[in-house]
Protein backbone atom coordinates (compact mmCIF):
# COMPACT_ATOMS: atom_id res chain seq x y z
CA UNK A 1 188.89 5.65 307.81
CA UNK A 2 189.14 2.66 305.59
CA UNK A 3 188.26 3.51 301.72
CA UNK A 4 187.78 0.64 299.22
CA UNK A 5 187.20 1.59 295.33
CA UNK A 6 185.76 -1.63 293.22
CA UNK A 7 185.76 -1.49 289.66
CA UNK A 8 186.32 -3.69 286.63
CA UNK A 9 187.21 -0.48 284.64
CA UNK A 10 191.00 -0.20 285.98
CA UNK A 11 194.10 -0.82 283.95
CA UNK A 12 197.52 0.12 284.25
CA UNK A 13 197.23 1.54 280.63
CA UNK A 14 195.15 4.22 281.73
CA UNK A 15 191.91 5.87 280.82
CA UNK A 16 189.65 7.98 283.08
CA UNK A 17 188.40 5.80 285.95
CA UNK A 18 191.92 4.62 286.38
CA UNK A 19 193.15 8.04 286.41
CA UNK A 20 190.75 8.72 289.15
CA UNK A 21 191.50 6.26 291.50
CA UNK A 22 195.38 6.47 290.88
CA UNK A 23 195.23 10.31 292.18
CA UNK A 24 192.79 9.43 294.53
CA UNK A 25 195.33 6.85 296.22
CA UNK A 26 198.20 9.63 295.91
CA UNK A 27 195.65 12.45 297.77
CA UNK A 28 194.69 10.06 300.44
CA UNK A 29 198.10 8.67 300.78
CA UNK A 30 199.14 11.99 301.90
CA UNK A 31 196.45 12.16 304.66
CA UNK A 32 197.18 10.35 307.78
CA UNK A 33 193.80 9.49 308.64
CA UNK A 34 192.89 7.44 305.41
CA UNK A 35 193.59 3.99 304.34
CA UNK A 36 192.73 3.41 300.48
CA UNK A 37 192.65 0.13 298.47
CA UNK A 38 191.76 -0.85 294.68
CA UNK A 39 190.27 -4.25 294.11
CA UNK A 40 189.59 -5.20 290.45
CA UNK A 41 190.40 -8.03 288.14
CA UNK A 42 192.87 -5.83 286.12
CA UNK A 43 195.16 -5.53 289.16
CA UNK A 44 198.57 -7.18 288.38
CA UNK A 45 200.27 -9.71 290.08
CA UNK A 46 202.91 -8.64 292.62
CA UNK A 47 201.01 -5.38 293.35
CA UNK A 48 201.31 -3.26 296.24
CA UNK A 49 198.93 -4.34 299.15
CA UNK A 50 196.50 -1.31 298.19
CA UNK A 51 195.93 -2.72 294.78
CA UNK A 52 194.34 -5.91 295.34
CA UNK A 53 193.32 -8.33 292.19
CA UNK A 54 189.58 -10.46 292.27
CA UNK A 55 189.48 -13.11 289.69
CA UNK A 56 188.47 -12.38 286.40
CA UNK A 57 187.99 -13.46 283.14
CA UNK A 58 189.34 -12.05 279.51
CA UNK A 59 186.32 -11.45 276.97
CA UNK A 60 185.54 -9.66 273.60
CA UNK A 61 184.68 -6.36 273.60
CA UNK A 62 185.40 -5.16 276.62
CA UNK A 63 188.96 -3.08 275.35
CA UNK A 64 191.13 -5.53 277.11
CA UNK A 65 189.16 -5.15 280.58
CA UNK A 66 188.53 -8.79 282.92
CA UNK A 67 184.81 -9.26 283.65
CA UNK A 68 184.77 -10.30 287.45
CA UNK A 69 183.77 -14.07 288.06
CA UNK A 70 181.70 -13.93 291.00
CA UNK A 71 179.69 -11.43 293.02
CA UNK A 72 179.93 -13.86 296.25
CA UNK A 73 183.58 -13.97 296.08
CA UNK A 74 184.08 -9.72 295.77
CA UNK A 75 181.77 -9.78 298.58
CA UNK A 76 183.53 -11.96 300.70
CA UNK A 77 187.00 -10.11 299.86
CA UNK A 78 185.57 -6.90 300.90
CA UNK A 79 184.24 -8.32 304.05
CA UNK A 80 187.88 -9.30 304.90
CA UNK A 81 189.15 -6.15 304.43
CA UNK A 82 186.07 -4.46 306.27
CA UNK A 83 186.03 -0.90 305.10
CA UNK A 84 184.44 1.93 306.24
CA UNK A 85 182.95 3.25 303.09
CA UNK A 86 183.17 1.37 299.29
CA UNK A 87 182.64 3.20 295.97
CA UNK A 88 182.02 1.23 292.76
CA UNK A 89 182.79 2.45 289.14
CA UNK A 90 180.99 -0.03 287.33
CA UNK A 91 177.25 -1.64 287.28
CA UNK A 92 178.22 -5.35 286.80
CA UNK A 93 179.04 -7.92 289.51
CA UNK A 94 181.32 -5.24 291.56
CA UNK A 95 178.17 -3.12 292.17
CA UNK A 96 176.13 -6.46 293.46
CA UNK A 97 178.80 -7.41 295.41
CA UNK A 98 179.44 -4.20 297.13
CA UNK A 99 175.41 -4.06 297.96
CA UNK A 100 175.76 -7.19 299.77
CA UNK A 101 178.96 -6.16 301.70
CA UNK A 102 177.09 -3.12 302.53
CA UNK A 103 174.43 -5.11 304.28
CA UNK A 104 176.83 -7.47 305.99
CA UNK A 105 179.02 -4.98 307.30
CA UNK A 106 176.48 -1.85 307.82
CA UNK A 107 178.65 0.95 305.81
CA UNK A 108 177.38 3.22 302.88
CA UNK A 109 177.95 2.03 299.46
CA UNK A 110 178.77 4.63 296.91
CA UNK A 111 178.15 4.00 293.12
CA UNK A 112 180.11 6.23 290.51
CA UNK A 113 178.26 6.35 287.31
CA UNK A 114 181.38 6.61 284.87
CA UNK A 115 180.25 5.20 281.53
CA UNK A 116 176.93 5.74 279.44
CA UNK A 117 176.14 2.26 279.61
CA UNK A 118 172.90 3.02 277.83
CA UNK A 119 174.43 4.35 274.85
CA UNK A 120 177.08 1.62 274.70
CA UNK A 121 174.42 -1.06 274.84
CA UNK A 122 172.42 0.81 271.81
CA UNK A 123 175.44 0.80 269.46
CA UNK A 124 175.78 -2.57 269.97
CA UNK A 125 172.29 -4.39 270.45
CA UNK A 126 169.97 -1.67 269.63
CA UNK A 127 167.30 0.39 271.32
CA UNK A 128 165.37 -2.37 273.07
CA UNK A 129 168.49 -3.50 274.96
CA UNK A 130 169.39 -0.25 275.72
CA UNK A 131 165.48 0.25 277.11
CA UNK A 132 166.50 -2.67 279.52
CA UNK A 133 169.64 -1.43 280.53
CA UNK A 134 168.10 1.67 281.82
CA UNK A 135 165.54 -0.54 284.00
CA UNK A 136 168.53 -2.53 285.04
CA UNK A 137 170.45 0.68 286.23
CA UNK A 138 167.36 2.46 288.09
CA UNK A 139 166.67 -1.14 289.69
CA UNK A 140 170.48 -1.18 290.65
CA UNK A 141 171.17 2.35 291.51
CA UNK A 142 168.24 2.59 293.54
CA UNK A 143 169.95 1.22 296.29
CA UNK A 144 172.77 2.66 296.63
CA UNK A 145 173.27 5.43 299.69
CA UNK A 146 174.65 7.65 297.05
CA UNK A 147 174.87 8.15 293.13
CA UNK A 148 177.94 10.21 291.77
CA UNK A 149 178.19 11.37 288.04
CA UNK A 150 181.07 13.29 286.95
CA UNK A 151 179.18 15.68 284.47
CA UNK A 152 175.76 17.67 284.53
CA UNK A 153 174.88 15.87 281.54
CA UNK A 154 175.27 12.24 282.85
CA UNK A 155 173.15 13.90 286.17
CA UNK A 156 170.45 14.59 283.92
CA UNK A 157 170.73 10.96 282.27
CA UNK A 158 170.33 9.59 285.65
CA UNK A 159 167.12 11.70 286.66
CA UNK A 160 165.98 10.20 283.29
CA UNK A 161 165.61 6.79 284.32
CA UNK A 162 164.42 7.67 287.49
CA UNK A 163 167.13 7.72 290.27
CA UNK A 164 166.73 10.62 291.77
CA UNK A 165 169.43 12.02 294.38
CA UNK A 166 172.42 11.78 292.04
CA UNK A 167 174.88 14.47 292.54
CA UNK A 168 177.47 16.04 290.44
CA UNK A 169 180.60 15.06 291.40
CA UNK A 170 183.79 16.65 288.66
CA UNK A 171 186.53 14.61 288.09
CA UNK A 172 190.08 16.61 288.43
CA UNK A 173 193.60 17.22 287.25
CA UNK A 174 197.11 17.22 288.91
CA UNK A 175 197.93 21.03 288.21
CA UNK A 176 201.54 20.27 289.29
CA UNK A 177 202.09 17.64 286.69
CA UNK A 178 200.00 19.26 283.90
CA UNK A 179 201.67 22.63 283.89
CA UNK A 180 202.48 24.96 281.08
CA UNK A 181 206.20 24.93 282.32
CA UNK A 182 206.48 21.62 280.94
CA UNK A 183 206.46 22.96 277.25
CA UNK A 184 209.46 21.57 275.12
CA UNK A 185 210.41 23.83 271.94
CA UNK A 186 212.62 20.73 270.73
CA UNK A 187 208.96 19.10 269.59
CA UNK A 188 208.02 21.05 266.90
CA UNK A 189 211.82 20.99 266.08
CA UNK A 190 211.33 17.13 266.05
CA UNK A 191 208.18 17.13 263.75
CA UNK A 192 210.03 19.60 261.37
CA UNK A 193 207.41 22.51 261.56
CA UNK A 194 208.12 26.25 260.65
CA UNK A 195 207.02 28.95 263.10
CA UNK A 196 204.01 29.78 261.90
CA UNK A 197 202.42 26.30 261.61
CA UNK A 198 199.78 25.73 264.50
CA UNK A 199 200.70 22.72 266.12
CA UNK A 200 196.95 20.88 267.31
CA UNK A 201 197.05 17.81 269.32
CA UNK A 202 194.54 14.63 270.01
CA UNK A 203 195.36 12.47 272.34
CA UNK A 204 193.20 9.13 273.40
CA UNK A 205 191.79 6.01 271.92
CA UNK A 206 191.58 5.73 268.56
CA UNK A 207 187.74 4.17 268.25
CA UNK A 208 184.81 5.07 266.40
CA UNK A 209 183.08 7.00 269.54
CA UNK A 210 186.00 9.58 269.19
CA UNK A 211 184.98 10.75 265.65
CA UNK A 212 188.27 10.79 264.59
CA UNK A 213 187.00 10.32 261.01
CA UNK A 214 185.37 13.66 261.25
CA UNK A 215 188.83 15.13 262.63
CA UNK A 216 190.83 13.68 259.92
CA UNK A 217 188.16 15.21 257.32
CA UNK A 218 188.56 18.62 259.04
CA UNK A 219 192.33 18.18 258.74
CA UNK A 220 191.90 17.92 255.08
CA UNK A 221 189.91 21.07 254.96
CA UNK A 222 192.58 23.11 257.20
CA UNK A 223 195.46 22.90 254.51
CA UNK A 224 199.01 23.07 255.07
CA UNK A 225 198.98 25.77 257.88
CA UNK A 226 197.91 22.95 260.29
CA UNK A 227 199.57 19.98 261.52
CA UNK A 228 197.66 17.20 263.81
CA UNK A 229 199.91 15.11 266.57
CA UNK A 230 198.12 12.17 267.53
CA UNK A 231 198.84 10.24 270.63
CA UNK A 232 197.32 7.07 270.97
CA UNK A 233 197.74 3.33 269.62
CA UNK A 234 200.01 3.25 267.29
CA UNK A 235 199.02 0.06 265.73
CA UNK A 236 195.46 1.41 265.05
CA UNK A 237 195.03 2.38 261.12
CA UNK A 238 193.16 5.00 259.25
CA UNK A 239 193.31 6.94 255.74
CA UNK A 240 194.94 10.19 255.90
CA UNK A 241 193.01 12.77 253.45
CA UNK A 242 194.99 14.35 250.89
CA UNK A 243 196.65 17.69 251.89
CA UNK A 244 196.47 16.92 255.70
CA UNK A 245 199.76 16.69 257.62
CA UNK A 246 199.66 14.40 260.72
CA UNK A 247 202.22 12.36 262.72
CA UNK A 248 201.41 9.99 265.29
CA UNK A 249 203.38 8.66 268.55
CA UNK A 250 202.56 5.97 270.89
CA UNK A 251 199.86 6.37 274.05
CA UNK A 252 201.51 7.96 277.00
CA UNK A 253 201.43 6.01 279.87
CA UNK A 254 203.61 8.66 281.66
CA UNK A 255 201.36 11.60 282.93
CA UNK A 256 204.75 13.66 282.97
CA UNK A 257 205.30 12.29 279.30
CA UNK A 258 201.59 13.40 278.09
CA UNK A 259 201.99 16.35 279.81
CA UNK A 260 205.33 17.73 277.99
CA UNK A 261 203.64 16.82 274.74
CA UNK A 262 200.62 18.74 275.39
CA UNK A 263 202.25 21.87 276.84
CA UNK A 264 204.04 21.85 273.49
CA UNK A 265 201.55 21.86 271.35
CA UNK A 266 199.08 24.93 270.44
CA UNK A 267 195.36 23.60 270.50
CA UNK A 268 194.05 20.74 271.82
CA UNK A 269 191.39 18.98 269.35
CA UNK A 270 188.49 16.46 270.73
CA UNK A 271 185.71 15.76 267.84
CA UNK A 272 183.93 13.44 270.42
CA UNK A 273 180.12 14.16 270.91
CA UNK A 274 179.40 11.64 273.67
CA UNK A 275 181.99 12.20 276.60
CA UNK A 276 180.88 11.68 279.65
CA UNK A 277 183.54 13.94 281.56
CA UNK A 278 186.93 14.60 278.88
CA UNK A 279 189.87 13.99 281.37
CA UNK A 280 192.13 15.00 278.33
CA UNK A 281 190.18 18.49 277.82
CA UNK A 282 191.29 19.39 281.80
CA UNK A 283 194.92 17.60 281.06
CA UNK A 284 195.14 20.41 278.46
CA UNK A 285 193.68 23.20 279.85
CA UNK A 286 195.99 22.35 282.97
CA UNK A 287 199.01 22.74 280.15
CA UNK A 288 197.81 26.23 279.56
CA UNK A 289 196.37 24.86 275.92
CA UNK A 290 192.68 26.01 274.31
CA UNK A 291 190.35 23.31 273.58
CA UNK A 292 188.51 22.95 270.36
CA UNK A 293 185.64 20.61 271.12
CA UNK A 294 181.82 19.87 270.32
CA UNK A 295 178.82 21.42 271.63
CA UNK A 296 177.63 17.74 272.67
CA UNK A 297 178.44 15.35 275.30
CA UNK A 298 179.86 16.60 278.48
CA UNK A 299 183.07 18.47 277.25
CA UNK A 300 180.95 21.14 276.43
CA UNK A 301 180.69 21.86 280.31
CA UNK A 302 184.34 22.38 280.41
CA UNK A 303 184.84 24.62 277.43
CA UNK A 304 183.59 28.24 277.21
CA UNK A 305 184.18 30.96 274.85
CA UNK A 306 187.28 32.43 277.25
CA UNK A 307 188.94 28.92 276.99
CA UNK A 308 188.36 27.49 273.56
CA UNK A 309 185.46 27.28 270.98
CA UNK A 310 182.74 24.75 270.30
CA UNK A 311 181.88 23.19 266.84
CA UNK A 312 178.98 21.46 265.88
CA UNK A 313 178.82 17.83 266.26
CA UNK A 314 179.68 15.20 263.20
CA UNK A 315 180.62 17.90 261.33
CA UNK A 316 183.91 18.41 259.56
CA UNK A 317 183.46 21.62 258.08
CA UNK A 318 182.46 23.49 261.62
CA UNK A 319 185.05 21.94 263.15
CA UNK A 320 187.68 22.78 260.77
CA UNK A 321 186.12 26.31 261.10
CA UNK A 322 186.51 26.24 264.97
CA UNK A 323 189.87 25.36 264.65
CA UNK A 324 190.61 28.09 262.33
CA UNK A 325 188.98 30.79 264.34
CA UNK A 326 190.47 29.71 267.65
CA UNK A 327 193.88 29.68 265.98
CA UNK A 328 193.37 33.24 264.84
CA UNK A 329 192.51 34.21 268.30
CA UNK A 330 194.94 34.91 271.18
CA UNK A 331 196.03 31.92 272.09
CA UNK A 332 198.40 33.21 274.72
CA UNK A 333 195.25 34.80 276.97
CA UNK A 334 193.25 31.52 275.79
CA UNK A 335 195.73 29.36 277.31
CA UNK A 336 196.15 31.47 280.26
CA UNK A 337 192.05 31.39 280.84
CA UNK A 338 192.17 27.57 280.38
CA UNK A 339 194.75 27.19 283.07
CA UNK A 340 193.08 29.34 285.53
CA UNK A 341 189.90 27.24 285.38
CA UNK A 342 191.53 23.97 285.58
CA UNK A 343 193.39 25.10 288.78
CA UNK A 344 190.93 26.95 290.43
CA UNK A 345 188.18 24.90 290.05
CA UNK A 346 189.59 21.63 288.84
CA UNK A 347 192.68 20.41 290.80
CA UNK A 348 192.50 17.19 292.64
CA UNK A 349 192.81 18.82 295.85
CA UNK A 350 189.64 20.53 295.23
CA UNK A 351 187.82 17.81 293.93
CA UNK A 352 188.87 14.98 296.49
CA UNK A 353 187.64 17.29 299.48
CA UNK A 354 184.31 17.79 297.73
CA UNK A 355 183.75 14.09 297.48
CA UNK A 356 185.31 13.44 300.77
CA UNK A 357 182.34 15.91 302.03
CA UNK A 358 179.75 13.62 300.12
CA UNK A 359 181.48 10.63 302.12
CA UNK A 360 181.47 12.54 305.41
CA UNK A 361 177.30 13.09 304.83
CA UNK A 362 177.13 9.33 304.49
CA UNK A 363 179.30 8.55 307.88
CA UNK A 364 179.05 8.43 311.49
CA UNK A 365 178.73 11.92 312.80
CA UNK A 366 181.81 10.71 315.52
CA UNK A 367 183.86 9.67 312.51
CA UNK A 368 187.07 11.25 313.25
CA UNK A 369 188.26 11.62 309.74
CA UNK A 370 184.94 13.61 309.53
CA UNK A 371 185.56 15.65 312.46
CA UNK A 372 188.73 16.94 311.24
CA UNK A 373 188.17 16.75 306.84
CA UNK A 374 190.87 15.23 304.88
CA UNK A 375 192.33 17.70 302.62
CA UNK A 376 190.03 20.55 303.82
CA UNK A 377 192.61 22.77 303.69
CA UNK A 378 193.27 22.58 300.22
CA UNK A 379 189.73 23.65 299.13
CA UNK A 380 188.53 26.62 298.21
CA UNK A 381 186.34 28.78 301.02
CA UNK A 382 182.91 27.79 299.39
CA UNK A 383 184.07 24.27 300.04
CA UNK A 384 185.45 24.52 303.53
CA UNK A 385 182.37 26.42 305.00
CA UNK A 386 180.01 23.54 303.79
CA UNK A 387 182.75 20.85 305.36
CA UNK A 388 182.78 22.56 308.58
CA UNK A 389 179.24 23.24 308.77
């Protein structure tokens, strides 16, 4: 079986979509029955054959991603690859090209709704433009054979647009990389922290939607017993409140380097209130870290009272209180619960076995890959039972 993933949101610098696609490539490469190709305008020159570049144009406001130039050119590229199934990770040119190729080749087309596009449009262009976007998405996604969303929140958004039948397909984490055993005691020494100081960590983009202003104000309320390590673009500028203790290190492209940092801290703090999933939260949980997040957005689906605490969104006082309360609890127990939840429900092997089940429901019954489901042995019993029905 040949699976092609097509998106403009793929880049070497990371991001949720890139992490998902790279993990899928690694998992499928271990299987004898599948070939996987990623098509994107952001694939670098000279990439391996499983990563192929389509023409694109750099435009302002796209956070470094390139916009594909031509629907027809992408569709022709797809027809040359002759996939058995194509999955699309954005709602632009790539999506329309996938539909063209689907009709020409007679293959299933799957759309994965990774981004809350109506909200992004509303923030930049207002409510009327957002409503037009919702109508556009309803028209587009209504033509796909299957629409997936990474959280129940996003499934609900699709339903509110009139897109019925969307399925919840969570993302995952590599629990061999993101593991408590990567803890490095030397990190605290390098930061000059006393043994009783709680080391908090934030990792991700330094953009307005991440609500870093709320986090920084919360740090100003907490005082010297807490130290925040911020992992992200070092060139970003922001004001540190008086009394807050904050260190910064650059974005970590290497997942093992990120895992060492996460595993070496005491608590992940994630103040954003509009996440569509929250991969960094799952990666921290895999490293045995409790999480303090907000009760808005999809992150609230990952964090519960056994793995961390939730604060009111956009409220520095509530966030500071949640950090303080979580830090006063048994962090070892919370961290062990977080690790157990990540490993049992969100390891990539489990996630991709579920994804393949969705694919097999679209493919012919005599497809060899669906007669012997790829990776089914890695899935929990309830998933294996559904795969073999």
